[in-house]
Each structure stands twice: as structure tokens, then as C-alpha cells.
Protein backbone atom coordinates (compact mmCIF):
# COMPACT_ATOMS: atom_id res chain seq x y z
CA MET A 1 -14.49 36.22 4.42
CA THR A 2 -12.93 35.27 1.08
CA PHE A 3 -9.60 34.61 2.79
CA LYS A 4 -11.25 32.18 5.21
CA ARG A 5 -12.84 30.28 2.34
CA TYR A 6 -9.51 29.95 0.55
CA ALA A 7 -7.76 28.95 3.77
CA LEU A 8 -10.35 26.25 4.43
CA LEU A 9 -10.15 25.09 0.83
CA ALA A 10 -6.35 24.85 1.07
CA ILE A 11 -6.59 22.82 4.28
CA PHE A 12 -9.22 20.55 2.75
CA LEU A 13 -7.18 19.96 -0.41
CA ALA A 14 -3.93 19.47 1.50
CA THR A 15 -5.42 16.80 3.76
CA PRO A 16 -4.89 13.38 2.20
CA ALA A 17 -7.92 11.21 1.63
CA TYR A 18 -7.48 7.70 2.91
CA ALA A 19 -9.57 4.98 1.41
CA GLN A 20 -10.39 2.08 3.65
CA TRP A 21 -10.85 -1.51 2.65
CA ALA A 22 -13.19 -3.52 4.82
CA PRO A 23 -11.27 -4.52 7.97
CA GLN A 24 -11.52 -8.23 7.19
CA VAL A 25 -10.16 -7.64 3.67
CA TYR A 26 -7.24 -5.58 4.98
CA GLN A 27 -6.48 -8.20 7.62
CA ALA A 28 -6.63 -11.05 5.10
CA GLU A 29 -4.24 -9.25 2.75
CA TYR A 30 -1.93 -8.40 5.64
CA ALA A 31 -2.04 -11.99 6.91
CA ALA A 32 -1.08 -13.20 3.43
CA CYS A 33 1.89 -10.80 3.35
CA VAL A 34 3.69 -11.51 6.62
CA PRO A 35 4.46 -15.27 6.36
CA PRO A 36 6.26 -15.08 2.98
CA CYS A 37 8.20 -12.06 4.22
CA ASP A 38 9.15 -13.94 7.39
CA LYS A 39 10.26 -16.90 5.27
CA ASN A 40 12.54 -14.64 3.21
CA ASN A 41 13.77 -12.74 6.29
CA PRO A 42 13.68 -15.22 9.20
CA THR A 43 15.43 -12.90 11.66
CA SER A 44 13.49 -9.75 10.77
CA HIS A 45 9.87 -10.34 11.81
CA ASP A 46 9.53 -6.76 13.07
CA LYS A 47 10.64 -5.42 9.69
CA CYS A 48 8.18 -7.74 7.95
CA VAL A 49 5.35 -6.38 10.08
CA GLN A 50 6.37 -2.82 9.19
CA TYR A 51 6.85 -3.70 5.51
CA CYS A 52 3.44 -5.36 5.21
CA THR A 53 1.73 -2.49 7.00
CA CYS A 54 3.43 -0.06 4.61
CA VAL A 55 2.34 -2.07 1.58
CA MET A 56 -1.26 -2.57 2.74
CA ASP A 57 -1.70 1.07 3.74
CA SER A 58 -0.25 2.25 0.42
CA LEU A 59 -2.31 -0.19 -1.63
CA GLN A 60 -5.60 0.71 0.01
CA THR A 61 -4.83 4.41 -0.44
CA ARG A 62 -3.83 4.00 -4.10
CA PHE A 63 -6.54 1.42 -4.90
CA PRO A 64 -9.62 2.11 -2.77
CA ASP A 65 -11.63 -0.51 -4.67
CA HIS A 66 -10.17 -3.81 -3.49
CA ALA A 67 -12.12 -5.84 -6.04
CA GLN A 68 -10.74 -3.70 -8.84
CA ILE A 69 -7.11 -4.10 -7.77
CA ASN A 70 -7.63 -7.85 -7.46
CA ASN A 71 -9.03 -7.90 -10.99
CA ASP A 72 -6.21 -5.71 -12.30
CA TYR A 73 -3.62 -7.95 -10.64
CA ALA A 74 -5.22 -11.14 -11.98
CA ASN A 75 -5.29 -9.66 -15.49
CA LYS A 76 -1.83 -8.08 -15.19
CA VAL A 77 -3.06 -4.59 -16.08
CA PRO A 78 0.21 -2.76 -16.84
CA ALA A 79 -0.56 0.52 -15.03
CA SER A 80 -1.71 -1.29 -11.89
CA MET A 81 1.24 -3.71 -11.98
CA THR A 82 3.62 -0.75 -12.21
CA ALA A 83 1.91 0.95 -9.27
CA ILE A 84 2.03 -2.24 -7.18
CA GLN A 85 5.73 -2.70 -8.00
CA THR A 86 6.45 0.91 -7.05
CA ILE A 87 4.68 0.47 -3.71
CA ALA A 88 6.54 -2.78 -3.01
CA ASN A 89 9.87 -1.18 -3.95
CA THR A 90 9.27 1.89 -1.79
CA CYS A 91 8.30 -0.12 1.28
CA ASN A 92 11.04 -2.71 0.79
CA GLN A 93 13.66 0.03 0.37
CA LYS A 94 12.43 1.70 3.54
CA PHE A 95 12.63 -1.39 5.74
CA PHE A 96 15.15 -3.68 4.05
CA GLY A 97 17.34 -1.25 2.10
CA ALA A 98 16.77 -2.71 -1.37
CA PRO A 99 14.05 -2.79 -4.03
CA ALA A 100 11.48 -5.57 -3.81
CA ARG A 101 11.49 -8.62 -5.99
CA GLN A 102 9.59 -8.34 -9.25
CA VAL A 103 5.83 -8.50 -8.73
CA LYS A 104 4.43 -11.31 -10.85
């Protein structure tokens, strides 16, 4: 019985928790991401779609409270800005092969 409890606990702890922004918030953020990416990469729309999905999924997982990340971004909270830059770099490297531009 003890083994089963530990096995279930291990499965529970190993399963990532995904925070979800409200669908309209996610879609608005995503919609704000794609056009600038397309402008910078006019022949790579498919990569922009993948990049923006990567960024939005990572942001909502890392920052489940959308209002808080908006506030942190507006106030340039150093820890949040570093996390946002890391997410942008990771996704940009994955789809475009280089780090992202500096998040401002």
C-alpha cells in the first residue's frame, strides 16, 4: 500500500501543472505577437505561428496570473523581465536559430 502511495505521489509531482489564461486573453496576446514577427520575417509565417505559440504557452505556464505579468512588464520588474527574455530567447532559438531581440 505504501508503494502505491509513493508511486501515485511521484506521478502527481512529475506531471507538469499548466496554468491557463482566459481564452480571450491568450488569443489577444497571440494576435499581438504574430504581426510583428511576420513583419520581421516576411517569408516565415509558419515559424512565426510556432514561435508565438511557444512564447504564449511558456508565458502562461510561467506566469499564471496575466494581470501580474502585465504589471511586472509595465514596471520592468527585473526578475520578470529576465524570465520573459529567457522565454523569448528559447523560442526564437528553436524556430529561427538565434536569440530574440532584447525585450524592452
